[in-house]
Amino acid sequence: MNTDDKTGDPRVDAAKAFVDSLGLRSADILRKMLENEHRTIQQCFMRCCVAFIEDMAQQRYSDDRNRAAVEFAKAVVARTTPRERAMPFI
């Protein structure tokens, strides 16, 4: 897991800044932005989300700031197979 503040990739840094600056509203805004996007973009975004969930499920350490996310990720991974989580590029 990368704990650096900067990745060197401006796109990743912009995504982090977007989520950080909007706080709780970021999910609602992002959902509204993506709900009418091209279906391939939606699938690619979900692929990223699933990969992140799989990574979160492997975390050994959490604290109150991310405990719910880690527990959710572990539950999702435990209840699904890799095949069920696969998001093919079509």
C-alpha atoms as a PDB file:
ATOM      1  CA  MET A   1       0.000   0.000   0.000  1.00  0.00           C
ATOM      2  CA  ASN A   2       1.364   3.412  -0.959  1.00  0.00           C
ATOM      3  CA  THR A   3       1.302   5.821   1.964  1.00  0.00           C
ATOM      4  CA  ASP A   4       3.070   8.648   0.155  1.00  0.00           C
ATOM      5  CA  ASP A   5       1.145  11.892  -0.241  1.00  0.00           C
ATOM      6  CA  LYS A   6       2.141  12.112  -3.909  1.00  0.00           C
ATOM      7  CA  THR A   7       2.303   9.284  -6.403  1.00  0.00           C
ATOM      8  CA  GLY A   8       3.969  11.204  -9.171  1.00  0.00           C
ATOM      9  CA  ASP A   9       0.961  10.554 -11.387  1.00  0.00           C
ATOM     10  CA  PRO A  10      -1.076  13.759 -11.676  1.00  0.00           C
ATOM     11  CA  ARG A  11      -4.257  11.806 -12.436  1.00  0.00           C
ATOM     12  CA  VAL A  12      -4.003   9.847  -9.195  1.00  0.00           C
ATOM     13  CA  ASP A  13      -3.154  12.993  -7.269  1.00  0.00           C
ATOM     14  CA  ALA A  14      -6.164  14.752  -8.818  1.00  0.00           C
ATOM     15  CA  ALA A  15      -8.476  11.870  -7.850  1.00  0.00           C
ATOM     16  CA  LYS A  16      -7.166  11.932  -4.285  1.00  0.00           C
ATOM     17  CA  ALA A  17      -7.627  15.705  -4.108  1.00  0.00           C
ATOM     18  CA  PHE A  18     -11.182  15.367  -5.467  1.00  0.00           C
ATOM     19  CA  VAL A  19     -12.194  12.837  -2.816  1.00  0.00           C
ATOM     20  CA  ASP A  20     -10.379  14.665  -0.028  1.00  0.00           C
ATOM     21  CA  SER A  21     -11.759  18.108  -0.861  1.00  0.00           C
ATOM     22  CA  LEU A  22     -15.389  17.000  -1.058  1.00  0.00           C
ATOM     23  CA  GLY A  23     -15.399  14.678   1.922  1.00  0.00           C
ATOM     24  CA  LEU A  24     -18.753  12.976   2.403  1.00  0.00           C
ATOM     25  CA  ARG A  25     -20.196  14.624  -0.717  1.00  0.00           C
ATOM     26  CA  SER A  26     -17.617  13.044  -3.044  1.00  0.00           C
ATOM     27  CA  ALA A  27     -19.554   9.768  -3.374  1.00  0.00           C
ATOM     28  CA  ASP A  28     -22.785  11.533  -4.323  1.00  0.00           C
ATOM     29  CA  ILE A  29     -21.045  13.795  -6.827  1.00  0.00           C
ATOM     30  CA  LEU A  30     -19.069  10.955  -8.377  1.00  0.00           C
ATOM     31  CA  ARG A  31     -22.167   8.753  -8.581  1.00  0.00           C
ATOM     32  CA  LYS A  32     -24.066  11.483 -10.428  1.00  0.00           C
ATOM     33  CA  MET A  33     -21.134  12.036 -12.766  1.00  0.00           C
ATOM     34  CA  LEU A  34     -20.839   8.348 -13.656  1.00  0.00           C
ATOM     35  CA  GLU A  35     -24.473   7.232 -13.833  1.00  0.00           C
ATOM     36  CA  ASN A  36     -24.873   8.548 -17.387  1.00  0.00           C
ATOM     37  CA  GLU A  37     -21.351   7.818 -18.579  1.00  0.00           C
ATOM     38  CA  HIS A  38     -20.583   5.340 -21.326  1.00  0.00           C
ATOM     39  CA  ARG A  39     -21.086   1.783 -20.094  1.00  0.00           C
ATOM     40  CA  THR A  40     -17.437   0.935 -20.718  1.00  0.00           C
ATOM     41  CA  ILE A  41     -16.371   3.811 -18.450  1.00  0.00           C
ATOM     42  CA  GLN A  42     -18.754   2.553 -15.774  1.00  0.00           C
ATOM     43  CA  GLN A  43     -17.303  -0.963 -16.035  1.00  0.00           C
ATOM     44  CA  CYS A  44     -13.728   0.357 -15.873  1.00  0.00           C
ATOM     45  CA  PHE A  45     -14.578   2.406 -12.800  1.00  0.00           C
ATOM     46  CA  MET A  46     -16.134  -0.630 -11.133  1.00  0.00           C
ATOM     47  CA  ARG A  47     -13.000  -2.636 -11.980  1.00  0.00           C
ATOM     48  CA  CYS A  48     -10.969  -0.043 -10.070  1.00  0.00           C
ATOM     49  CA  CYS A  49     -13.411  -0.157  -7.148  1.00  0.00           C
ATOM     50  CA  VAL A  50     -13.270  -3.949  -6.975  1.00  0.00           C
ATOM     51  CA  ALA A  51      -9.465  -3.923  -7.068  1.00  0.00           C
ATOM     52  CA  PHE A  52      -9.432  -1.380  -4.263  1.00  0.00           C
ATOM     53  CA  ILE A  53     -11.889  -3.474  -2.230  1.00  0.00           C
ATOM     54  CA  GLU A  54      -9.674  -6.537  -2.717  1.00  0.00           C
ATOM     55  CA  ASP A  55      -6.641  -4.549  -1.553  1.00  0.00           C
ATOM     56  CA  MET A  56      -8.507  -3.149   1.449  1.00  0.00           C
ATOM     57  CA  ALA A  57      -9.543  -6.672   2.443  1.00  0.00           C
ATOM     58  CA  GLN A  58      -5.854  -7.599   2.741  1.00  0.00           C
ATOM     59  CA  GLN A  59      -4.993  -4.785   5.147  1.00  0.00           C
ATOM     60  CA  ARG A  60      -3.778  -6.013   8.503  1.00  0.00           C
ATOM     61  CA  TYR A  61      -4.064  -2.671  10.248  1.00  0.00           C
ATOM     62  CA  SER A  62      -6.933  -0.246  10.452  1.00  0.00           C
ATOM     63  CA  ASP A  63      -8.031   2.436  12.845  1.00  0.00           C
ATOM     64  CA  ASP A  64     -11.268   4.330  13.370  1.00  0.00           C
ATOM     65  CA  ARG A  65     -10.696   6.343  10.181  1.00  0.00           C
ATOM     66  CA  ASN A  66     -10.923   3.321   7.881  1.00  0.00           C
ATOM     67  CA  ARG A  67     -12.109   0.414  10.029  1.00  0.00           C
ATOM     68  CA  ALA A  68     -15.602   0.301   8.492  1.00  0.00           C
ATOM     69  CA  ALA A  69     -14.124   0.287   4.973  1.00  0.00           C
ATOM     70  CA  VAL A  70     -11.723  -2.548   5.803  1.00  0.00           C
ATOM     71  CA  GLU A  71     -14.452  -4.612   7.475  1.00  0.00           C
ATOM     72  CA  PHE A  72     -16.783  -4.043   4.522  1.00  0.00           C
ATOM     73  CA  ALA A  73     -14.049  -5.037   2.064  1.00  0.00           C
ATOM     74  CA  LYS A  74     -13.279  -8.207   4.006  1.00  0.00           C
ATOM     75  CA  ALA A  75     -16.976  -9.137   4.049  1.00  0.00           C
ATOM     76  CA  VAL A  76     -17.351  -8.568   0.292  1.00  0.00           C
ATOM     77  CA  VAL A  77     -14.280 -10.654  -0.532  1.00  0.00           C
ATOM     78  CA  ALA A  78     -15.311 -13.421   1.878  1.00  0.00           C
ATOM     79  CA  ARG A  79     -18.776 -13.680   0.329  1.00  0.00           C
ATOM     80  CA  THR A  80     -17.723 -13.610  -3.321  1.00  0.00           C
ATOM     81  CA  THR A  81     -15.373 -15.507  -5.588  1.00  0.00           C
ATOM     82  CA  PRO A  82     -12.746 -13.892  -7.806  1.00  0.00           C
ATOM     83  CA  ARG A  83     -14.912 -14.862 -10.784  1.00  0.00           C
ATOM     84  CA  GLU A  84     -17.903 -13.026  -9.297  1.00  0.00           C
ATOM     85  CA  ARG A  85     -15.746  -9.953  -8.736  1.00  0.00           C
ATOM     86  CA  ALA A  86     -14.291 -10.006 -12.259  1.00  0.00           C
ATOM     87  CA  MET A  87     -15.128  -7.010 -14.433  1.00  0.00           C
ATOM     88  CA  PRO A  88     -14.196  -7.920 -18.010  1.00  0.00           C
ATOM     89  CA  PHE A  89     -13.276  -5.312 -20.563  1.00  0.00           C
ATOM     90  CA  ILE A  90     -15.822  -5.565 -23.370  1.00  0.00           C
END
